[in-house]
Amino acid sequence: MKGCDGSVLINSTRNNTAEKDAIPNQSLRGFQVIDAVKSAVERRCPGRVSCADILALVARDAVSLISGPFWPVPLGRRDGRVSNSTEALSQLPPPLFNSTQLIASFASKNLNVKDLVVLSGSHTIGVAHCSSITSRLYNFTGRGDSDPSMDPNYVAALKRRCSPTDANSIIQMDPGSSQVFDQDYYTIVSKRRGLFQSDGALLTNSVTNAYVQRHSNSSRLSSFLKDFSDSMVKMGRIGVLTGSAGEIRRICSVIN
């Protein structure tokens, strides 16, 4: 994972395990949507629009369709030719990171503390596998215990959904509101019901905690949507390829 170069769309081969098959990316869905858009664009403008640009546009439009914001997407990215699962593992912050680790990880991509807490708000939609929270529920310190920072009632509810050996079942990141882009995520986190350890970590830093508490109020929705738009534009500039770098793939899942 080198940046916003569409490398997450590339399929694995016999000799290479690609990013999309790395553990952090195994809950990603919708690759067929990207492929359909690319096919339609290629019929009209062959070899002109990169998969990286299409991915950025589709992500924006998907959020907008579920009551989220609509932001300007700078275009001109080119597609990367490298997709390696080990890079995804090293570059994506895992769900067990604490606030210090999260801040450092985001800073390495030129994203600040506010960007961290704002972009974490994307957890208002989507799902995760039980395997990503098993240790938090059943063996947090290696002594068969649960994370004491979580609401014990939420722990009990999650245990009913996820057994200690369940690696395949999925759970909503924002129960009851996982298909609407709102700020309900912050309400959940403020109640110590963030699904990941990294969600709960937002309460342990003064800046991120203040944002969580402020935006757990439904009257702050417009403020969150504006902040999210701004941070998405910043994130969309990470590691882009332009000019003669990379390529424009004919098929998003295969290097030319």
C-alpha atoms as a PDB file:
ATOM      1  CA  MET A   1       0.000   0.000   0.000  1.00  0.00           C
ATOM      2  CA  LYS A   2       1.881   2.991  -1.303  1.00  0.00           C
ATOM      3  CA  GLY A   3      -1.009   5.440  -1.415  1.00  0.00           C
ATOM      4  CA  CYS A   4      -4.040   6.334  -3.532  1.00  0.00           C
ATOM      5  CA  ASP A   5      -2.923   4.433  -6.618  1.00  0.00           C
ATOM      6  CA  GLY A   6      -5.696   1.839  -6.923  1.00  0.00           C
ATOM      7  CA  SER A   7      -3.414  -0.995  -5.845  1.00  0.00           C
ATOM      8  CA  VAL A   8      -6.078  -2.416  -3.505  1.00  0.00           C
ATOM      9  CA  LEU A   9      -8.098  -3.362  -6.603  1.00  0.00           C
ATOM     10  CA  ILE A  10      -5.460  -5.740  -8.025  1.00  0.00           C
ATOM     11  CA  ASN A  11      -6.082  -9.477  -7.756  1.00  0.00           C
ATOM     12  CA  SER A  12      -3.606 -11.894  -6.227  1.00  0.00           C
ATOM     13  CA  THR A  13      -1.651 -14.185  -8.510  1.00  0.00           C
ATOM     14  CA  ARG A  14       0.115 -17.495  -8.028  1.00  0.00           C
ATOM     15  CA  ASN A  15       3.312 -15.645  -7.147  1.00  0.00           C
ATOM     16  CA  ASN A  16       1.912 -12.704  -5.200  1.00  0.00           C
ATOM     17  CA  THR A  17      -0.670 -12.117  -2.471  1.00  0.00           C
ATOM     18  CA  ALA A  18      -2.187  -8.734  -3.223  1.00  0.00           C
ATOM     19  CA  GLU A  19      -3.436  -6.027  -0.847  1.00  0.00           C
ATOM     20  CA  LYS A  20      -7.097  -6.975  -1.162  1.00  0.00           C
ATOM     21  CA  ASP A  21      -6.305 -10.365   0.402  1.00  0.00           C
ATOM     22  CA  ALA A  22      -4.423  -8.933   3.396  1.00  0.00           C
ATOM     23  CA  ILE A  23      -6.245  -9.490   6.680  1.00  0.00           C
ATOM     24  CA  PRO A  24      -7.156  -5.790   7.206  1.00  0.00           C
ATOM     25  CA  ASN A  25      -8.825  -5.666   3.783  1.00  0.00           C
ATOM     26  CA  GLN A  26     -10.811  -8.883   3.865  1.00  0.00           C
ATOM     27  CA  SER A  27     -14.024  -7.106   4.857  1.00  0.00           C
ATOM     28  CA  LEU A  28     -13.848  -4.812   1.809  1.00  0.00           C
ATOM     29  CA  ARG A  29     -16.746  -5.182  -0.605  1.00  0.00           C
ATOM     30  CA  GLY A  30     -17.944  -3.633  -3.866  1.00  0.00           C
ATOM     31  CA  PHE A  31     -15.063  -4.463  -6.194  1.00  0.00           C
ATOM     32  CA  GLN A  32     -17.630  -5.415  -8.838  1.00  0.00           C
ATOM     33  CA  VAL A  33     -18.980  -1.863  -8.758  1.00  0.00           C
ATOM     34  CA  ILE A  34     -15.546  -0.447  -9.576  1.00  0.00           C
ATOM     35  CA  ASP A  35     -15.139  -2.974 -12.388  1.00  0.00           C
ATOM     36  CA  ALA A  36     -18.538  -2.038 -13.858  1.00  0.00           C
ATOM     37  CA  VAL A  37     -17.751   1.680 -13.770  1.00  0.00           C
ATOM     38  CA  LYS A  38     -14.341   1.093 -15.338  1.00  0.00           C
ATOM     39  CA  SER A  39     -15.866  -0.975 -18.156  1.00  0.00           C
ATOM     40  CA  ALA A  40     -18.389   1.770 -18.904  1.00  0.00           C
ATOM     41  CA  VAL A  41     -15.712   4.482 -18.862  1.00  0.00           C
ATOM     42  CA  GLU A  42     -13.381   2.442 -21.089  1.00  0.00           C
ATOM     43  CA  ARG A  43     -16.102   2.112 -23.716  1.00  0.00           C
ATOM     44  CA  ARG A  44     -16.385   5.902 -23.917  1.00  0.00           C
ATOM     45  CA  CYS A  45     -12.840   7.049 -23.092  1.00  0.00           C
ATOM     46  CA  PRO A  46     -10.386   4.151 -23.513  1.00  0.00           C
ATOM     47  CA  GLY A  47      -7.118   4.494 -21.628  1.00  0.00           C
ATOM     48  CA  ARG A  48      -7.924   7.914 -20.202  1.00  0.00           C
ATOM     49  CA  VAL A  49      -9.342   7.461 -16.677  1.00  0.00           C
ATOM     50  CA  SER A  50      -7.421   5.574 -14.008  1.00  0.00           C
ATOM     51  CA  CYS A  51      -8.850   3.017 -11.637  1.00  0.00           C
ATOM     52  CA  ALA A  52      -7.437   5.129  -8.796  1.00  0.00           C
ATOM     53  CA  ASP A  53      -9.574   8.105  -9.859  1.00  0.00           C
ATOM     54  CA  ILE A  54     -12.620   5.888 -10.327  1.00  0.00           C
ATOM     55  CA  LEU A  55     -12.161   4.437  -6.841  1.00  0.00           C
ATOM     56  CA  ALA A  56     -11.952   7.921  -5.306  1.00  0.00           C
ATOM     57  CA  LEU A  57     -15.078   9.050  -7.173  1.00  0.00           C
ATOM     58  CA  VAL A  58     -17.107   5.939  -6.367  1.00  0.00           C
ATOM     59  CA  ALA A  59     -16.163   6.178  -2.668  1.00  0.00           C
ATOM     60  CA  ARG A  60     -17.390   9.786  -2.621  1.00  0.00           C
ATOM     61  CA  ASP A  61     -20.600   8.960  -4.461  1.00  0.00           C
ATOM     62  CA  ALA A  62     -21.341   5.908  -2.291  1.00  0.00           C
ATOM     63  CA  VAL A  63     -21.071   8.033   0.853  1.00  0.00           C
ATOM     64  CA  SER A  64     -23.245  10.743  -0.700  1.00  0.00           C
ATOM     65  CA  LEU A  65     -25.960   8.219  -1.608  1.00  0.00           C
ATOM     66  CA  ILE A  66     -26.392   7.204   2.042  1.00  0.00           C
ATOM     67  CA  SER A  67     -26.886  10.744   3.360  1.00  0.00           C
ATOM     68  CA  GLY A  68     -23.202  11.576   3.619  1.00  0.00           C
ATOM     69  CA  PRO A  69     -21.378  14.634   2.251  1.00  0.00           C
ATOM     70  CA  PHE A  70     -20.356  15.324  -1.349  1.00  0.00           C
ATOM     71  CA  TRP A  71     -16.813  16.635  -1.729  1.00  0.00           C
ATOM     72  CA  PRO A  72     -14.620  17.719  -4.663  1.00  0.00           C
ATOM     73  CA  VAL A  73     -12.334  14.918  -5.863  1.00  0.00           C
ATOM     74  CA  PRO A  74      -9.080  16.150  -7.441  1.00  0.00           C
ATOM     75  CA  LEU A  75      -8.385  13.967 -10.492  1.00  0.00           C
ATOM     76  CA  GLY A  76      -5.323  12.956 -12.480  1.00  0.00           C
ATOM     77  CA  ARG A  77      -4.100   9.971 -10.461  1.00  0.00           C
ATOM     78  CA  ARG A  78      -2.447   7.073 -12.240  1.00  0.00           C
ATOM     79  CA  ASP A  79      -2.543   3.425 -11.241  1.00  0.00           C
ATOM     80  CA  GLY A  80       0.220   1.637  -9.374  1.00  0.00           C
ATOM     81  CA  ARG A  81       1.762  -1.569 -10.653  1.00  0.00           C
ATOM     82  CA  VAL A  82       2.550  -3.066  -7.242  1.00  0.00           C
ATOM     83  CA  SER A  83       0.094  -4.633  -4.794  1.00  0.00           C
ATOM     84  CA  ASN A  84       1.516  -6.586  -1.891  1.00  0.00           C
ATOM     85  CA  SER A  85      -0.322  -7.810   1.196  1.00  0.00           C
ATOM     86  CA  THR A  86       2.692  -7.221   3.447  1.00  0.00           C
ATOM     87  CA  GLU A  87       2.594  -3.504   2.651  1.00  0.00           C
ATOM     88  CA  ALA A  88      -1.071  -3.347   3.606  1.00  0.00           C
ATOM     89  CA  LEU A  89      -0.217  -4.973   6.929  1.00  0.00           C
ATOM     90  CA  SER A  90       2.558  -2.490   7.628  1.00  0.00           C
ATOM     91  CA  GLN A  91       0.834   0.671   6.380  1.00  0.00           C
ATOM     92  CA  LEU A  92      -2.732   0.311   7.683  1.00  0.00           C
ATOM     93  CA  PRO A  93      -3.207   1.011  11.411  1.00  0.00           C
ATOM     94  CA  PRO A  94      -4.573  -2.176  13.016  1.00  0.00           C
ATOM     95  CA  PRO A  95      -7.698  -2.155  15.205  1.00  0.00           C
ATOM     96  CA  LEU A  96      -5.635  -2.752  18.368  1.00  0.00           C
ATOM     97  CA  PHE A  97      -3.650   0.504  18.156  1.00  0.00           C
ATOM     98  CA  ASN A  98      -3.759   2.927  21.072  1.00  0.00           C
ATOM     99  CA  SER A  99      -4.088   6.695  20.618  1.00  0.00           C
ATOM    100  CA  THR A 100      -0.326   7.324  20.526  1.00  0.00           C
ATOM    101  CA  GLN A 101       0.170   4.716  17.828  1.00  0.00           C
ATOM    102  CA  LEU A 102      -2.796   5.986  15.835  1.00  0.00           C
ATOM    103  CA  ILE A 103      -1.569   9.577  15.929  1.00  0.00           C
ATOM    104  CA  ALA A 104       1.900   8.499  14.778  1.00  0.00           C
ATOM    105  CA  SER A 105       0.482   6.340  11.996  1.00  0.00           C
ATOM    106  CA  PHE A 106      -1.680   9.163  10.657  1.00  0.00           C
ATOM    107  CA  ALA A 107       1.150  11.685  11.011  1.00  0.00           C
ATOM    108  CA  SER A 108       3.335   9.483   8.792  1.00  0.00           C
ATOM    109  CA  LYS A 109       0.761  10.144   6.041  1.00  0.00           C
ATOM    110  CA  ASN A 110       0.618  13.896   6.747  1.00  0.00           C
ATOM    111  CA  LEU A 111      -2.747  13.593   8.507  1.00  0.00           C
ATOM    112  CA  ASN A 112      -3.200  15.337  11.846  1.00  0.00           C
ATOM    113  CA  VAL A 113      -5.022  14.414  15.037  1.00  0.00           C
ATOM    114  CA  LYS A 114      -8.255  15.989  13.850  1.00  0.00           C
ATOM    115  CA  ASP A 115      -8.072  13.979  10.620  1.00  0.00           C
ATOM    116  CA  LEU A 116      -7.667  10.844  12.727  1.00  0.00           C
ATOM    117  CA  VAL A 117     -10.846  11.339  14.724  1.00  0.00           C
ATOM    118  CA  VAL A 118     -12.817  12.659  11.746  1.00  0.00           C
ATOM    119  CA  LEU A 119     -11.878   9.774   9.438  1.00  0.00           C
ATOM    120  CA  SER A 120     -12.580   7.294  12.239  1.00  0.00           C
ATOM    121  CA  GLY A 121     -16.141   8.522  11.842  1.00  0.00           C
ATOM    122  CA  SER A 122     -16.330   6.457   8.653  1.00  0.00           C
ATOM    123  CA  HIS A 123     -16.964   3.530  11.018  1.00  0.00           C
ATOM    124  CA  THR A 124     -20.538   4.776  11.085  1.00  0.00           C
ATOM    125  CA  ILE A 125     -21.019   2.434   8.108  1.00  0.00           C
ATOM    126  CA  GLY A 126     -19.808  -1.048   7.262  1.00  0.00           C
ATOM    127  CA  VAL A 127     -19.041  -4.306   9.038  1.00  0.00           C
ATOM    128  CA  ALA A 128     -16.139  -6.160  10.615  1.00  0.00           C
ATOM    129  CA  HIS A 129     -15.280  -9.803  11.155  1.00  0.00           C
ATOM    130  CA  CYS A 130     -15.543 -11.283  14.639  1.00  0.00           C
ATOM    131  CA  SER A 131     -11.877 -12.252  14.397  1.00  0.00           C
ATOM    132  CA  SER A 132     -10.912  -8.570  14.641  1.00  0.00           C
ATOM    133  CA  ILE A 133     -12.323  -8.276  18.181  1.00  0.00           C
ATOM    134  CA  THR A 134     -11.942 -11.798  19.605  1.00  0.00           C
ATOM    135  CA  SER A 135      -8.936 -10.971  21.767  1.00  0.00           C
ATOM    136  CA  ARG A 136     -10.671  -7.842  23.060  1.00  0.00           C
ATOM    137  CA  LEU A 137     -13.622  -9.931  24.204  1.00  0.00           C
ATOM    138  CA  TYR A 138     -11.954 -13.073  25.499  1.00  0.00           C
ATOM    139  CA  ASN A 139      -8.253 -12.589  26.180  1.00  0.00           C
ATOM    140  CA  PHE A 140      -7.412  -8.908  26.403  1.00  0.00           C
ATOM    141  CA  THR A 141      -4.393  -9.199  28.728  1.00  0.00           C
ATOM    142  CA  GLY A 142      -3.678 -12.871  28.138  1.00  0.00           C
ATOM    143  CA  ARG A 143      -5.632 -13.967  31.211  1.00  0.00           C
ATOM    144  CA  GLY A 144      -9.007 -14.757  29.650  1.00  0.00           C
ATOM    145  CA  ASP A 145     -10.434 -11.315  30.354  1.00  0.00           C
ATOM    146  CA  SER A 146     -12.275  -8.640  28.384  1.00  0.00           C
ATOM    147  CA  ASP A 147     -11.161  -5.081  27.702  1.00  0.00           C
ATOM    148  CA  PRO A 148     -12.236  -3.193  30.867  1.00  0.00           C
ATOM    149  CA  SER A 149     -12.637   0.039  28.888  1.00  0.00           C
ATOM    150  CA  MET A 150     -15.669  -1.409  27.069  1.00  0.00           C
ATOM    151  CA  ASP A 151     -19.222  -1.182  28.317  1.00  0.00           C
ATOM    152  CA  PRO A 152     -19.751  -4.631  29.930  1.00  0.00           C
ATOM    153  CA  ASN A 153     -23.253  -4.862  28.500  1.00  0.00           C
ATOM    154  CA  TYR A 154     -21.822  -4.365  25.030  1.00  0.00           C
ATOM    155  CA  VAL A 155     -19.186  -7.005  25.719  1.00  0.00           C
ATOM    156  CA  ALA A 156     -21.932  -9.453  26.657  1.00  0.00           C
ATOM    157  CA  ALA A 157     -23.880  -8.645  23.487  1.00  0.00           C
ATOM    158  CA  LEU A 158     -20.818  -9.116  21.305  1.00  0.00           C
ATOM    159  CA  LYS A 159     -20.009 -12.445  22.955  1.00  0.00           C
ATOM    160  CA  ARG A 160     -23.458 -13.671  21.958  1.00  0.00           C
ATOM    161  CA  ARG A 161     -22.558 -12.893  18.340  1.00  0.00           C
ATOM    162  CA  CYS A 162     -18.903 -13.926  18.326  1.00  0.00           C
ATOM    163  CA  SER A 163     -17.557 -17.109  19.881  1.00  0.00           C
ATOM    164  CA  PRO A 164     -13.838 -17.321  20.735  1.00  0.00           C
ATOM    165  CA  THR A 165     -13.146 -19.320  17.562  1.00  0.00           C
ATOM    166  CA  ASP A 166     -15.473 -17.486  15.172  1.00  0.00           C
ATOM    167  CA  ALA A 167     -13.416 -15.971  12.356  1.00  0.00           C
ATOM    168  CA  ASN A 168     -16.116 -15.575   9.731  1.00  0.00           C
ATOM    169  CA  SER A 169     -19.220 -13.962  11.215  1.00  0.00           C
ATOM    170  CA  ILE A 170     -19.628 -10.247  10.629  1.00  0.00           C
ATOM    171  CA  ILE A 171     -20.937  -7.535  12.917  1.00  0.00           C
ATOM    172  CA  GLN A 172     -22.044  -3.992  12.215  1.00  0.00           C
ATOM    173  CA  MET A 173     -19.640  -1.226  13.114  1.00  0.00           C
ATOM    174  CA  ASP A 174     -22.541   1.053  14.037  1.00  0.00           C
ATOM    175  CA  PRO A 175     -25.433  -1.220  15.091  1.00  0.00           C
ATOM    176  CA  GLY A 176     -28.813  -0.019  13.863  1.00  0.00           C
ATOM    177  CA  SER A 177     -27.345   2.731  11.704  1.00  0.00           C
ATOM    178  CA  SER A 178     -24.691   0.990   9.632  1.00  0.00           C
ATOM    179  CA  GLN A 179     -26.215   1.940   6.274  1.00  0.00           C
ATOM    180  CA  VAL A 180     -26.686   5.649   6.963  1.00  0.00           C
ATOM    181  CA  PHE A 181     -23.778   8.070   7.044  1.00  0.00           C
ATOM    182  CA  ASP A 182     -24.306  10.045  10.238  1.00  0.00           C
ATOM    183  CA  GLN A 183     -22.399  10.920  13.392  1.00  0.00           C
ATOM    184  CA  ASP A 184     -23.977   8.151  15.461  1.00  0.00           C
ATOM    185  CA  TYR A 185     -20.511   6.547  15.620  1.00  0.00           C
ATOM    186  CA  TYR A 186     -19.431   9.243  18.068  1.00  0.00           C
ATOM    187  CA  THR A 187     -22.448   8.581  20.276  1.00  0.00           C
ATOM    188  CA  ILE A 188     -21.508   4.901  20.401  1.00  0.00           C
ATOM    189  CA  VAL A 189     -17.849   5.619  21.163  1.00  0.00           C
ATOM    190  CA  SER A 190     -18.811   8.076  23.911  1.00  0.00           C
ATOM    191  CA  LYS A 191     -20.773   5.245  25.548  1.00  0.00           C
ATOM    192  CA  ARG A 192     -17.683   2.979  25.429  1.00  0.00           C
ATOM    193  CA  ARG A 193     -19.238   0.871  22.695  1.00  0.00           C
ATOM    194  CA  GLY A 194     -16.679   1.421  19.952  1.00  0.00           C
ATOM    195  CA  LEU A 195     -16.112  -1.929  18.267  1.00  0.00           C
ATOM    196  CA  PHE A 196     -12.341  -1.770  17.869  1.00  0.00           C
ATOM    197  CA  GLN A 197      -9.745  -0.998  20.483  1.00  0.00           C
ATOM    198  CA  SER A 198      -8.707   1.868  18.180  1.00  0.00           C
ATOM    199  CA  ASP A 199     -12.253   3.270  18.443  1.00  0.00           C
ATOM    200  CA  GLY A 200     -12.124   3.214  22.218  1.00  0.00           C
ATOM    201  CA  ALA A 201      -8.680   4.814  22.069  1.00  0.00           C
ATOM    202  CA  LEU A 202     -10.278   8.046  20.866  1.00  0.00           C
ATOM    203  CA  LEU A 203     -11.491   8.594  24.434  1.00  0.00           C
ATOM    204  CA  THR A 204      -7.959   8.506  25.834  1.00  0.00           C
ATOM    205  CA  ASN A 205      -6.594  11.573  24.039  1.00  0.00           C
ATOM    206  CA  SER A 206      -7.814  15.046  25.012  1.00  0.00           C
ATOM    207  CA  VAL A 207      -8.205  16.301  21.423  1.00  0.00           C
ATOM    208  CA  THR A 208      -9.928  13.227  20.007  1.00  0.00           C
ATOM    209  CA  ASN A 209     -12.087  12.824  23.117  1.00  0.00           C
ATOM    210  CA  ALA A 210     -13.271  16.425  22.883  1.00  0.00           C
ATOM    211  CA  TYR A 211     -14.293  15.885  19.265  1.00  0.00           C
ATOM    212  CA  VAL A 212     -16.117  12.645  20.134  1.00  0.00           C
ATOM    213  CA  GLN A 213     -18.069  14.297  22.931  1.00  0.00           C
ATOM    214  CA  ARG A 214     -18.926  17.363  20.857  1.00  0.00           C
ATOM    215  CA  HIS A 215     -20.114  15.380  17.845  1.00  0.00           C
ATOM    216  CA  SER A 216     -22.097  12.813  19.796  1.00  0.00           C
ATOM    217  CA  ASN A 217     -24.766  15.522  19.718  1.00  0.00           C
ATOM    218  CA  SER A 218     -26.998  15.202  16.637  1.00  0.00           C
ATOM    219  CA  SER A 219     -27.005  18.975  16.194  1.00  0.00           C
ATOM    220  CA  ARG A 220     -23.352  18.731  15.123  1.00  0.00           C
ATOM    221  CA  LEU A 221     -24.031  16.653  11.997  1.00  0.00           C
ATOM    222  CA  SER A 222     -23.323  19.425   9.490  1.00  0.00           C
ATOM    223  CA  SER A 223     -20.029  20.202  11.222  1.00  0.00           C
ATOM    224  CA  PHE A 224     -18.931  16.556  11.057  1.00  0.00           C
ATOM    225  CA  LEU A 225     -19.897  16.241   7.385  1.00  0.00           C
ATOM    226  CA  LYS A 226     -17.836  19.331   6.516  1.00  0.00           C
ATOM    227  CA  ASP A 227     -14.858  18.047   8.500  1.00  0.00           C
ATOM    228  CA  PHE A 228     -15.147  14.624   6.877  1.00  0.00           C
ATOM    229  CA  SER A 229     -15.158  16.154   3.399  1.00  0.00           C
ATOM    230  CA  ASP A 230     -12.017  18.144   4.156  1.00  0.00           C
ATOM    231  CA  SER A 231     -10.170  15.135   5.586  1.00  0.00           C
ATOM    232  CA  MET A 232     -11.166  12.912   2.663  1.00  0.00           C
ATOM    233  CA  VAL A 233      -9.695  15.417   0.209  1.00  0.00           C
ATOM    234  CA  LYS A 234      -6.453  15.372   2.218  1.00  0.00           C
ATOM    235  CA  MET A 235      -6.374  11.583   2.364  1.00  0.00           C
ATOM    236  CA  GLY A 236      -7.040  11.365  -1.372  1.00  0.00           C
ATOM    237  CA  ARG A 237      -3.690  13.074  -2.009  1.00  0.00           C
ATOM    238  CA  ILE A 238      -1.605  10.459  -0.184  1.00  0.00           C
ATOM    239  CA  GLY A 239       1.000   8.810  -2.389  1.00  0.00           C
ATOM    240  CA  VAL A 240      -0.650   9.634  -5.709  1.00  0.00           C
ATOM    241  CA  LEU A 241       1.072   8.813  -8.991  1.00  0.00           C
ATOM    242  CA  THR A 242       0.919  11.416 -11.779  1.00  0.00           C
ATOM    243  CA  GLY A 243       2.560  12.252 -15.066  1.00  0.00           C
ATOM    244  CA  SER A 244       4.349   9.241 -16.529  1.00  0.00           C
ATOM    245  CA  ALA A 245       4.462   7.294 -13.258  1.00  0.00           C
ATOM    246  CA  GLY A 246       2.476   4.079 -13.028  1.00  0.00           C
ATOM    247  CA  GLU A 247      -0.088   3.333 -15.724  1.00  0.00           C
ATOM    248  CA  ILE A 248      -3.784   3.538 -16.556  1.00  0.00           C
ATOM    249  CA  ARG A 249      -5.076  -0.013 -16.199  1.00  0.00           C
ATOM    250  CA  ARG A 250      -7.451  -1.375 -18.792  1.00  0.00           C
ATOM    251  CA  ILE A 251      -8.930  -3.714 -16.177  1.00  0.00           C
ATOM    252  CA  CYS A 252      -8.761  -2.548 -12.556  1.00  0.00           C
ATOM    253  CA  SER A 253      -7.980  -5.976 -11.113  1.00  0.00           C
ATOM    254  CA  VAL A 254      -5.068  -6.735 -13.455  1.00  0.00           C
ATOM    255  CA  ILE A 255      -1.828  -4.896 -14.153  1.00  0.00           C
ATOM    256  CA  ASN A 256      -1.455  -4.064 -17.868  1.00  0.00           C
END
